[in-house]
Amino acid sequence: MDNFERASILSEALPYIREFSKQTVIVKYDSKVMQSESLRQAAISNIALLSFVGVRVVVIHGGGPENDPFLKALGKEQAFVDGQRCIDEETLDVTQMVSIGIIGKDIVTMITDQGGKAIGFSGLDGGLFTAKKLSGDLDFGKVGELTSINPELILVALDNGYIPVISAIARCETGGGSFKISADTAAAELAVKLGAKKLILLTDECGVTNEEGELISELTLSAVRPLIKKGAIRGKMIHRVNCCVKAVRRGVPRAHILDGSVPHSILIEVLTDSGIGTMIVQD
């Protein structure tokens, strides 16, 4: 790449930097996707760069494959009920330890190493996330559904130039315990609560595809239900899309489902004309 090409790229980014400076962007980070050091570093450098140009970035993450060695040491295997992860008390303890003590701290350290300012939280801190037991006919154990958000600590961190890094653990609304919650749901709900300009879900898929398997780069709310009925949107993607739909319906201008295995996918989406993945918007 010569100097002219570099200058062109920076020039293309300028309008987007102007648009998103001082605005909030929520990024759901998936450690299951970020299996290589180069991918992790690319994603973190993107997050740090957005913060450097004035974007108020919030990172939310769940657990990941990092749980497996600890569960194995306890003689446990991850249990599933009807395809949904089932968590007992012992597994929840491991999940919290790994999510807060390993994944969250690693993200904070990487951002700091890039010259950024980051601070780690769990959803338990300051009553950030409150949840109740996931309802339904099946029992998933210590899996919860989000009932309320108290963003006070997050706003303080953002106002002081920090990137909050949040693990998707929630306090039980009746007290005396905690739940593992969906990081996708937590990201979407926090995007609404903070009036975010963008919600970005990093996933292991290229985005939403049609019946022919072709990527849909822009998807309106009214087009989602027909695609689910046709089976084009299925499996975990249904949950991800529904999280985006709820966020957009409640005021978040754009929600994005990106392939986290594409290096620099965050910057491509936020600061270029071309974008990447699927953007979900109002009709």
C-alpha atoms as a PDB file:
ATOM      1  CA  MET A   1       0.000   0.000   0.000  1.00  0.00           C
ATOM      2  CA  ASP A   2       1.467   3.374  -0.987  1.00  0.00           C
ATOM      3  CA  ASN A   3       1.008   6.715   0.787  1.00  0.00           C
ATOM      4  CA  PHE A   4      -1.791   7.768  -1.563  1.00  0.00           C
ATOM      5  CA  GLU A   5      -3.825   4.673  -0.680  1.00  0.00           C
ATOM      6  CA  ARG A   6      -3.223   5.218   3.036  1.00  0.00           C
ATOM      7  CA  ALA A   7      -4.367   8.837   2.729  1.00  0.00           C
ATOM      8  CA  SER A   8      -7.486   7.740   0.828  1.00  0.00           C
ATOM      9  CA  ILE A   9      -8.414   5.288   3.568  1.00  0.00           C
ATOM     10  CA  LEU A  10      -8.001   7.939   6.262  1.00  0.00           C
ATOM     11  CA  SER A  11     -10.034  10.400   4.206  1.00  0.00           C
ATOM     12  CA  GLU A  12     -12.840   7.823   3.846  1.00  0.00           C
ATOM     13  CA  ALA A  13     -12.881   7.302   7.607  1.00  0.00           C
ATOM     14  CA  LEU A  14     -13.129  11.003   8.501  1.00  0.00           C
ATOM     15  CA  PRO A  15     -16.927  11.435   8.046  1.00  0.00           C
ATOM     16  CA  TYR A  16     -17.552   8.347  10.166  1.00  0.00           C
ATOM     17  CA  ILE A  17     -15.186   9.550  12.882  1.00  0.00           C
ATOM     18  CA  ARG A  18     -17.096  12.833  12.916  1.00  0.00           C
ATOM     19  CA  GLU A  19     -20.442  10.988  13.075  1.00  0.00           C
ATOM     20  CA  PHE A  20     -19.533   8.615  15.889  1.00  0.00           C
ATOM     21  CA  SER A  21     -17.274  10.799  18.023  1.00  0.00           C
ATOM     22  CA  LYS A  22     -18.903  11.167  21.489  1.00  0.00           C
ATOM     23  CA  GLN A  23     -21.496   8.540  20.529  1.00  0.00           C
ATOM     24  CA  THR A  24     -21.845   5.161  22.253  1.00  0.00           C
ATOM     25  CA  VAL A  25     -21.129   1.885  20.467  1.00  0.00           C
ATOM     26  CA  ILE A  26     -21.774  -1.473  22.165  1.00  0.00           C
ATOM     27  CA  VAL A  27     -19.599  -4.410  21.080  1.00  0.00           C
ATOM     28  CA  LYS A  28     -20.428  -7.986  22.053  1.00  0.00           C
ATOM     29  CA  TYR A  29     -17.053  -9.784  22.070  1.00  0.00           C
ATOM     30  CA  ASP A  30     -17.114 -13.558  21.553  1.00  0.00           C
ATOM     31  CA  SER A  31     -13.997 -15.312  22.843  1.00  0.00           C
ATOM     32  CA  LYS A  32     -15.115 -18.543  21.120  1.00  0.00           C
ATOM     33  CA  VAL A  33     -14.498 -16.780  17.798  1.00  0.00           C
ATOM     34  CA  MET A  34     -11.261 -15.083  18.854  1.00  0.00           C
ATOM     35  CA  GLN A  35      -9.227 -18.266  19.053  1.00  0.00           C
ATOM     36  CA  SER A  36      -6.007 -16.909  17.518  1.00  0.00           C
ATOM     37  CA  GLU A  37      -3.799 -14.241  19.033  1.00  0.00           C
ATOM     38  CA  SER A  38      -3.862 -12.249  15.772  1.00  0.00           C
ATOM     39  CA  LEU A  39      -7.677 -12.107  15.759  1.00  0.00           C
ATOM     40  CA  ARG A  40      -7.798 -11.046  19.400  1.00  0.00           C
ATOM     41  CA  GLN A  41      -5.232  -8.340  18.819  1.00  0.00           C
ATOM     42  CA  ALA A  42      -7.038  -7.085  15.699  1.00  0.00           C
ATOM     43  CA  ALA A  43     -10.370  -6.836  17.512  1.00  0.00           C
ATOM     44  CA  ILE A  44      -8.848  -5.137  20.542  1.00  0.00           C
ATOM     45  CA  SER A  45      -6.858  -2.679  18.420  1.00  0.00           C
ATOM     46  CA  ASN A  46     -10.113  -1.756  16.632  1.00  0.00           C
ATOM     47  CA  ILE A  47     -11.852  -1.140  19.952  1.00  0.00           C
ATOM     48  CA  ALA A  48      -8.934   0.931  21.247  1.00  0.00           C
ATOM     49  CA  LEU A  49      -8.747   2.987  18.041  1.00  0.00           C
ATOM     50  CA  LEU A  50     -12.457   3.836  18.210  1.00  0.00           C
ATOM     51  CA  SER A  51     -11.932   5.050  21.760  1.00  0.00           C
ATOM     52  CA  PHE A  52      -8.915   7.138  20.673  1.00  0.00           C
ATOM     53  CA  VAL A  53     -11.085   9.031  18.132  1.00  0.00           C
ATOM     54  CA  GLY A  54     -13.746   9.807  20.721  1.00  0.00           C
ATOM     55  CA  VAL A  55     -16.198   6.909  20.427  1.00  0.00           C
ATOM     56  CA  ARG A  56     -17.651   5.763  23.760  1.00  0.00           C
ATOM     57  CA  VAL A  57     -17.113   1.997  23.407  1.00  0.00           C
ATOM     58  CA  VAL A  58     -18.612  -0.600  25.754  1.00  0.00           C
ATOM     59  CA  VAL A  59     -17.522  -4.251  25.479  1.00  0.00           C
ATOM     60  CA  ILE A  60     -19.721  -7.103  26.730  1.00  0.00           C
ATOM     61  CA  HIS A  61     -18.528 -10.697  26.776  1.00  0.00           C
ATOM     62  CA  GLY A  62     -19.736 -14.105  27.915  1.00  0.00           C
ATOM     63  CA  GLY A  63     -17.853 -17.248  28.797  1.00  0.00           C
ATOM     64  CA  GLY A  64     -16.070 -19.411  26.289  1.00  0.00           C
ATOM     65  CA  PRO A  65     -13.962 -22.504  25.711  1.00  0.00           C
ATOM     66  CA  GLU A  66     -11.759 -21.284  28.559  1.00  0.00           C
ATOM     67  CA  ASN A  67     -14.302 -22.945  30.889  1.00  0.00           C
ATOM     68  CA  ASP A  68     -13.605 -26.443  29.612  1.00  0.00           C
ATOM     69  CA  PRO A  69     -10.275 -27.230  31.368  1.00  0.00           C
ATOM     70  CA  PHE A  70     -11.670 -26.122  34.723  1.00  0.00           C
ATOM     71  CA  LEU A  71     -14.859 -28.151  34.319  1.00  0.00           C
ATOM     72  CA  LYS A  72     -12.793 -31.166  33.265  1.00  0.00           C
ATOM     73  CA  ALA A  73     -10.631 -30.801  36.368  1.00  0.00           C
ATOM     74  CA  LEU A  74     -13.823 -31.030  38.422  1.00  0.00           C
ATOM     75  CA  GLY A  75     -14.905 -34.112  36.504  1.00  0.00           C
ATOM     76  CA  LYS A  76     -17.759 -32.220  34.866  1.00  0.00           C
ATOM     77  CA  GLU A  77     -18.888 -31.763  31.291  1.00  0.00           C
ATOM     78  CA  GLN A  78     -20.957 -28.894  29.959  1.00  0.00           C
ATOM     79  CA  ALA A  79     -24.586 -30.061  30.007  1.00  0.00           C
ATOM     80  CA  PHE A  80     -27.207 -29.104  27.432  1.00  0.00           C
ATOM     81  CA  VAL A  81     -31.005 -29.298  27.556  1.00  0.00           C
ATOM     82  CA  ASP A  82     -32.745 -29.076  24.175  1.00  0.00           C
ATOM     83  CA  GLY A  83     -29.626 -27.432  22.723  1.00  0.00           C
ATOM     84  CA  GLN A  84     -29.487 -24.786  25.459  1.00  0.00           C
ATOM     85  CA  ARG A  85     -26.548 -24.643  27.863  1.00  0.00           C
ATOM     86  CA  CYS A  86     -27.582 -25.851  31.325  1.00  0.00           C
ATOM     87  CA  ILE A  87     -25.682 -24.488  34.328  1.00  0.00           C
ATOM     88  CA  ASP A  88     -25.676 -25.860  37.860  1.00  0.00           C
ATOM     89  CA  GLU A  89     -24.242 -24.051  40.892  1.00  0.00           C
ATOM     90  CA  GLU A  90     -20.748 -25.513  40.494  1.00  0.00           C
ATOM     91  CA  THR A  91     -20.642 -24.736  36.779  1.00  0.00           C
ATOM     92  CA  LEU A  92     -21.799 -21.184  37.494  1.00  0.00           C
ATOM     93  CA  ASP A  93     -18.900 -20.732  39.925  1.00  0.00           C
ATOM     94  CA  VAL A  94     -16.469 -21.814  37.191  1.00  0.00           C
ATOM     95  CA  THR A  95     -18.198 -19.604  34.608  1.00  0.00           C
ATOM     96  CA  GLN A  96     -17.964 -16.561  36.859  1.00  0.00           C
ATOM     97  CA  MET A  97     -14.314 -17.219  37.682  1.00  0.00           C
ATOM     98  CA  VAL A  98     -13.385 -17.629  34.010  1.00  0.00           C
ATOM     99  CA  SER A  99     -15.568 -14.835  32.644  1.00  0.00           C
ATOM    100  CA  ILE A 100     -14.546 -12.230  35.204  1.00  0.00           C
ATOM    101  CA  GLY A 101     -11.101 -13.420  36.238  1.00  0.00           C
ATOM    102  CA  ILE A 102      -9.678 -14.602  32.926  1.00  0.00           C
ATOM    103  CA  ILE A 103     -11.589 -13.378  29.848  1.00  0.00           C
ATOM    104  CA  GLY A 104     -12.480  -9.956  31.239  1.00  0.00           C
ATOM    105  CA  LYS A 105      -9.004  -9.318  32.639  1.00  0.00           C
ATOM    106  CA  ASP A 106      -7.385 -10.437  29.375  1.00  0.00           C
ATOM    107  CA  ILE A 107      -9.494  -7.971  27.374  1.00  0.00           C
ATOM    108  CA  VAL A 108      -8.686  -5.142  29.797  1.00  0.00           C
ATOM    109  CA  THR A 109      -4.970  -5.995  29.650  1.00  0.00           C
ATOM    110  CA  MET A 110      -4.928  -6.091  25.839  1.00  0.00           C
ATOM    111  CA  ILE A 111      -6.687  -2.723  25.583  1.00  0.00           C
ATOM    112  CA  THR A 112      -4.220  -1.242  28.084  1.00  0.00           C
ATOM    113  CA  ASP A 113      -1.300  -2.696  26.125  1.00  0.00           C
ATOM    114  CA  GLN A 114      -2.663  -0.878  23.048  1.00  0.00           C
ATOM    115  CA  GLY A 115      -2.509   2.390  24.984  1.00  0.00           C
ATOM    116  CA  GLY A 116      -6.221   2.510  25.776  1.00  0.00           C
ATOM    117  CA  LYS A 117      -8.003   2.914  29.109  1.00  0.00           C
ATOM    118  CA  ALA A 118     -10.203  -0.002  30.146  1.00  0.00           C
ATOM    119  CA  ILE A 119     -11.877  -1.150  33.323  1.00  0.00           C
ATOM    120  CA  GLY A 120     -13.503  -4.494  34.030  1.00  0.00           C
ATOM    121  CA  PHE A 121     -16.938  -5.038  35.519  1.00  0.00           C
ATOM    122  CA  SER A 122     -19.232  -7.952  36.096  1.00  0.00           C
ATOM    123  CA  GLY A 123     -22.983  -7.509  35.876  1.00  0.00           C
ATOM    124  CA  LEU A 124     -22.979  -7.889  39.668  1.00  0.00           C
ATOM    125  CA  ASP A 125     -21.062  -4.643  40.236  1.00  0.00           C
ATOM    126  CA  GLY A 126     -23.291  -1.797  41.345  1.00  0.00           C
ATOM    127  CA  GLY A 127     -26.373  -3.845  40.509  1.00  0.00           C
ATOM    128  CA  LEU A 128     -25.584  -3.405  36.813  1.00  0.00           C
ATOM    129  CA  PHE A 129     -27.573  -6.445  35.634  1.00  0.00           C
ATOM    130  CA  THR A 130     -30.465  -8.026  37.523  1.00  0.00           C
ATOM    131  CA  ALA A 131     -32.144 -11.206  36.331  1.00  0.00           C
ATOM    132  CA  LYS A 132     -34.669 -13.877  37.195  1.00  0.00           C
ATOM    133  CA  LYS A 133     -34.533 -17.584  36.442  1.00  0.00           C
ATOM    134  CA  LEU A 134     -35.102 -18.290  32.754  1.00  0.00           C
ATOM    135  CA  SER A 135     -38.765 -19.153  32.396  1.00  0.00           C
ATOM    136  CA  GLY A 136     -40.252 -21.964  30.329  1.00  0.00           C
ATOM    137  CA  ASP A 137     -41.143 -25.623  30.441  1.00  0.00           C
ATOM    138  CA  LEU A 138     -37.503 -26.740  30.650  1.00  0.00           C
ATOM    139  CA  ASP A 139     -35.132 -26.149  33.562  1.00  0.00           C
ATOM    140  CA  PHE A 140     -31.759 -24.710  32.561  1.00  0.00           C
ATOM    141  CA  GLY A 141     -30.479 -24.273  36.089  1.00  0.00           C
ATOM    142  CA  LYS A 142     -28.615 -21.054  36.837  1.00  0.00           C
ATOM    143  CA  VAL A 143     -29.413 -19.445  33.484  1.00  0.00           C
ATOM    144  CA  GLY A 144     -31.310 -16.194  33.859  1.00  0.00           C
ATOM    145  CA  GLU A 145     -33.221 -13.644  31.825  1.00  0.00           C
ATOM    146  CA  LEU A 146     -32.403  -9.983  32.270  1.00  0.00           C
ATOM    147  CA  THR A 147     -35.007  -7.932  34.154  1.00  0.00           C
ATOM    148  CA  SER A 148     -33.285  -4.600  34.836  1.00  0.00           C
ATOM    149  CA  ILE A 149     -30.135  -2.558  34.184  1.00  0.00           C
ATOM    150  CA  ASN A 150     -28.518   0.075  36.377  1.00  0.00           C
ATOM    151  CA  PRO A 151     -25.934   1.786  34.109  1.00  0.00           C
ATOM    152  CA  GLU A 152     -24.599   4.264  36.679  1.00  0.00           C
ATOM    153  CA  LEU A 153     -21.101   2.756  36.952  1.00  0.00           C
ATOM    154  CA  ILE A 154     -20.829   2.364  33.180  1.00  0.00           C
ATOM    155  CA  LEU A 155     -21.713   6.010  32.605  1.00  0.00           C
ATOM    156  CA  VAL A 156     -19.102   7.114  35.162  1.00  0.00           C
ATOM    157  CA  ALA A 157     -16.468   5.000  33.394  1.00  0.00           C
ATOM    158  CA  LEU A 158     -17.415   6.351  29.949  1.00  0.00           C
ATOM    159  CA  ASP A 159     -17.475   9.948  31.166  1.00  0.00           C
ATOM    160  CA  ASN A 160     -13.909   9.469  32.430  1.00  0.00           C
ATOM    161  CA  GLY A 161     -12.615   8.089  29.133  1.00  0.00           C
ATOM    162  CA  TYR A 162     -12.608   4.388  30.034  1.00  0.00           C
ATOM    163  CA  ILE A 163     -13.775   1.441  27.957  1.00  0.00           C
ATOM    164  CA  PRO A 164     -16.022  -0.657  30.242  1.00  0.00           C
ATOM    165  CA  VAL A 165     -15.490  -4.414  29.777  1.00  0.00           C
ATOM    166  CA  ILE A 166     -18.486  -6.278  31.195  1.00  0.00           C
ATOM    167  CA  SER A 167     -19.032  -9.973  31.872  1.00  0.00           C
ATOM    168  CA  ALA A 168     -22.580 -11.253  31.342  1.00  0.00           C
ATOM    169  CA  ILE A 169     -23.340 -12.279  34.915  1.00  0.00           C
ATOM    170  CA  ALA A 170     -26.419 -10.916  36.690  1.00  0.00           C
ATOM    171  CA  ARG A 171     -27.587 -10.587  40.263  1.00  0.00           C
ATOM    172  CA  CYS A 172     -30.719 -12.545  41.173  1.00  0.00           C
ATOM    173  CA  GLU A 173     -33.573 -10.046  41.482  1.00  0.00           C
ATOM    174  CA  THR A 174     -34.709 -11.633  44.766  1.00  0.00           C
ATOM    175  CA  GLY A 175     -31.168 -11.596  46.174  1.00  0.00           C
ATOM    176  CA  GLY A 176     -28.978 -14.417  47.369  1.00  0.00           C
ATOM    177  CA  GLY A 177     -27.377 -15.544  44.147  1.00  0.00           C
ATOM    178  CA  SER A 178     -26.557 -14.858  40.530  1.00  0.00           C
ATOM    179  CA  PHE A 179     -27.300 -16.079  37.017  1.00  0.00           C
ATOM    180  CA  LYS A 180     -25.441 -16.498  33.750  1.00  0.00           C
ATOM    181  CA  ILE A 181     -27.246 -14.404  31.142  1.00  0.00           C
ATOM    182  CA  SER A 182     -26.989 -14.107  27.379  1.00  0.00           C
ATOM    183  CA  ALA A 183     -24.229 -11.679  26.402  1.00  0.00           C
ATOM    184  CA  ASP A 184     -26.129 -10.905  23.175  1.00  0.00           C
ATOM    185  CA  THR A 185     -29.241  -9.946  25.158  1.00  0.00           C
ATOM    186  CA  ALA A 186     -27.217  -7.940  27.671  1.00  0.00           C
ATOM    187  CA  ALA A 187     -25.490  -6.046  24.846  1.00  0.00           C
ATOM    188  CA  ALA A 188     -28.802  -5.260  23.131  1.00  0.00           C
ATOM    189  CA  GLU A 189     -30.523  -4.120  26.328  1.00  0.00           C
ATOM    190  CA  LEU A 190     -27.577  -1.973  27.385  1.00  0.00           C
ATOM    191  CA  ALA A 191     -27.481  -0.417  23.903  1.00  0.00           C
ATOM    192  CA  VAL A 192     -31.082   0.682  24.397  1.00  0.00           C
ATOM    193  CA  LYS A 193     -30.469   1.883  27.949  1.00  0.00           C
ATOM    194  CA  LEU A 194     -27.442   3.985  26.954  1.00  0.00           C
ATOM    195  CA  GLY A 195     -28.963   5.329  23.721  1.00  0.00           C
ATOM    196  CA  ALA A 196     -26.192   3.738  21.686  1.00  0.00           C
ATOM    197  CA  LYS A 197     -25.632   4.709  18.063  1.00  0.00           C
ATOM    198  CA  LYS A 198     -24.627   1.155  17.120  1.00  0.00           C
ATOM    199  CA  LEU A 199     -24.872  -2.369  18.464  1.00  0.00           C
ATOM    200  CA  ILE A 200     -22.265  -4.805  17.118  1.00  0.00           C
ATOM    201  CA  LEU A 201     -22.459  -8.560  17.717  1.00  0.00           C
ATOM    202  CA  LEU A 202     -19.249 -10.390  16.818  1.00  0.00           C
ATOM    203  CA  THR A 203     -20.142 -13.974  15.860  1.00  0.00           C
ATOM    204  CA  ASP A 204     -18.804 -17.064  14.108  1.00  0.00           C
ATOM    205  CA  GLU A 205     -20.964 -16.412  11.019  1.00  0.00           C
ATOM    206  CA  CYS A 206     -20.677 -13.960   8.134  1.00  0.00           C
ATOM    207  CA  GLY A 207     -24.069 -12.465   8.984  1.00  0.00           C
ATOM    208  CA  VAL A 208     -27.638 -13.219   7.926  1.00  0.00           C
ATOM    209  CA  THR A 209     -28.022 -15.112   4.667  1.00  0.00           C
ATOM    210  CA  ASN A 210     -30.998 -15.706   2.373  1.00  0.00           C
ATOM    211  CA  GLU A 211     -32.398 -19.071   1.223  1.00  0.00           C
ATOM    212  CA  GLU A 212     -29.571 -19.372  -1.317  1.00  0.00           C
ATOM    213  CA  GLY A 213     -26.936 -18.800   1.372  1.00  0.00           C
ATOM    214  CA  GLU A 214     -26.049 -15.321   0.079  1.00  0.00           C
ATOM    215  CA  LEU A 215     -25.160 -12.639   2.601  1.00  0.00           C
ATOM    216  CA  ILE A 216     -27.834 -10.007   3.238  1.00  0.00           C
ATOM    217  CA  SER A 217     -25.901  -6.797   3.850  1.00  0.00           C
ATOM    218  CA  GLU A 218     -28.935  -4.755   4.997  1.00  0.00           C
ATOM    219  CA  LEU A 219     -32.036  -6.191   6.621  1.00  0.00           C
ATOM    220  CA  THR A 220     -35.140  -4.235   7.604  1.00  0.00           C
ATOM    221  CA  LEU A 221     -37.285  -5.186  10.582  1.00  0.00           C
ATOM    222  CA  SER A 222     -40.232  -6.264   8.438  1.00  0.00           C
ATOM    223  CA  ALA A 223     -38.035  -8.660   6.443  1.00  0.00           C
ATOM    224  CA  VAL A 224     -36.885 -10.656   9.470  1.00  0.00           C
ATOM    225  CA  ARG A 225     -40.013 -12.706  10.246  1.00  0.00           C
ATOM    226  CA  PRO A 226     -40.418 -14.065   6.674  1.00  0.00           C
ATOM    227  CA  LEU A 227     -36.776 -15.221   6.662  1.00  0.00           C
ATOM    228  CA  ILE A 228     -37.295 -17.066   9.953  1.00  0.00           C
ATOM    229  CA  LYS A 229     -40.437 -18.733   8.597  1.00  0.00           C
ATOM    230  CA  LYS A 230     -38.572 -19.831   5.468  1.00  0.00           C
ATOM    231  CA  GLY A 231     -35.782 -21.304   7.600  1.00  0.00           C
ATOM    232  CA  ALA A 232     -33.097 -18.962   6.225  1.00  0.00           C
ATOM    233  CA  ILE A 233     -32.565 -17.638   9.756  1.00  0.00           C
ATOM    234  CA  ARG A 234     -32.227 -20.580  12.119  1.00  0.00           C
ATOM    235  CA  GLY A 235     -30.385 -21.928  15.133  1.00  0.00           C
ATOM    236  CA  LYS A 236     -28.397 -19.438  17.204  1.00  0.00           C
ATOM    237  CA  MET A 237     -28.868 -16.796  14.520  1.00  0.00           C
ATOM    238  CA  ILE A 238     -32.553 -16.464  15.468  1.00  0.00           C
ATOM    239  CA  HIS A 239     -31.581 -15.315  18.954  1.00  0.00           C
ATOM    240  CA  ARG A 240     -28.930 -12.925  17.635  1.00  0.00           C
ATOM    241  CA  VAL A 241     -31.280 -11.391  15.080  1.00  0.00           C
ATOM    242  CA  ASN A 242     -34.079 -11.046  17.641  1.00  0.00           C
ATOM    243  CA  CYS A 243     -31.698  -9.202  19.972  1.00  0.00           C
ATOM    244  CA  CYS A 244     -30.863  -6.796  17.158  1.00  0.00           C
ATOM    245  CA  VAL A 245     -34.519  -6.375  16.211  1.00  0.00           C
ATOM    246  CA  LYS A 246     -35.502  -5.497  19.789  1.00  0.00           C
ATOM    247  CA  ALA A 247     -32.690  -2.962  20.029  1.00  0.00           C
ATOM    248  CA  VAL A 248     -33.525  -1.265  16.724  1.00  0.00           C
ATOM    249  CA  ARG A 249     -37.258  -1.276  17.464  1.00  0.00           C
ATOM    250  CA  ARG A 250     -36.532   0.544  20.730  1.00  0.00           C
ATOM    251  CA  GLY A 251     -34.354   3.272  19.286  1.00  0.00           C
ATOM    252  CA  VAL A 252     -30.865   1.978  18.422  1.00  0.00           C
ATOM    253  CA  PRO A 253     -30.381   3.244  14.825  1.00  0.00           C
ATOM    254  CA  ARG A 254     -28.317   0.288  13.560  1.00  0.00           C
ATOM    255  CA  ALA A 255     -27.458  -3.182  14.784  1.00  0.00           C
ATOM    256  CA  HIS A 256     -24.790  -5.319  13.115  1.00  0.00           C
ATOM    257  CA  ILE A 257     -24.011  -9.018  13.029  1.00  0.00           C
ATOM    258  CA  LEU A 258     -20.375  -9.448  12.005  1.00  0.00           C
ATOM    259  CA  ASP A 259     -17.984 -12.312  11.424  1.00  0.00           C
ATOM    260  CA  GLY A 260     -15.457 -11.954  14.217  1.00  0.00           C
ATOM    261  CA  SER A 261     -13.009 -14.188  12.366  1.00  0.00           C
ATOM    262  CA  VAL A 262     -12.489 -11.440   9.761  1.00  0.00           C
ATOM    263  CA  PRO A 263      -9.584  -9.281  10.968  1.00  0.00           C
ATOM    264  CA  HIS A 264     -10.563  -5.654  11.678  1.00  0.00           C
ATOM    265  CA  SER A 265     -14.264  -6.357  11.013  1.00  0.00           C
ATOM    266  CA  ILE A 266     -15.221  -3.699  13.588  1.00  0.00           C
ATOM    267  CA  LEU A 267     -13.326  -0.903  11.832  1.00  0.00           C
ATOM    268  CA  ILE A 268     -14.520  -2.037   8.410  1.00  0.00           C
ATOM    269  CA  GLU A 269     -18.098  -1.760   9.647  1.00  0.00           C
ATOM    270  CA  VAL A 270     -17.836   1.500  11.567  1.00  0.00           C
ATOM    271  CA  LEU A 271     -15.324   3.578   9.585  1.00  0.00           C
ATOM    272  CA  THR A 272     -15.664   2.581   5.907  1.00  0.00           C
ATOM    273  CA  ASP A 273     -18.224   2.936   3.129  1.00  0.00           C
ATOM    274  CA  SER A 274     -18.370  -0.778   2.333  1.00  0.00           C
ATOM    275  CA  GLY A 275     -19.182  -2.263   5.725  1.00  0.00           C
ATOM    276  CA  ILE A 276     -19.273  -5.973   6.409  1.00  0.00           C
ATOM    277  CA  GLY A 277     -21.776  -8.517   7.733  1.00  0.00           C
ATOM    278  CA  THR A 278     -25.495  -7.713   8.126  1.00  0.00           C
ATOM    279  CA  MET A 279     -26.892  -4.369   9.260  1.00  0.00           C
ATOM    280  CA  ILE A 280     -30.406  -4.397  10.749  1.00  0.00           C
ATOM    281  CA  VAL A 281     -32.361  -1.158  10.486  1.00  0.00           C
ATOM    282  CA  GLN A 282     -35.863   0.270  10.662  1.00  0.00           C
ATOM    283  CA  ASP A 283     -38.030   0.030   7.527  1.00  0.00           C
END
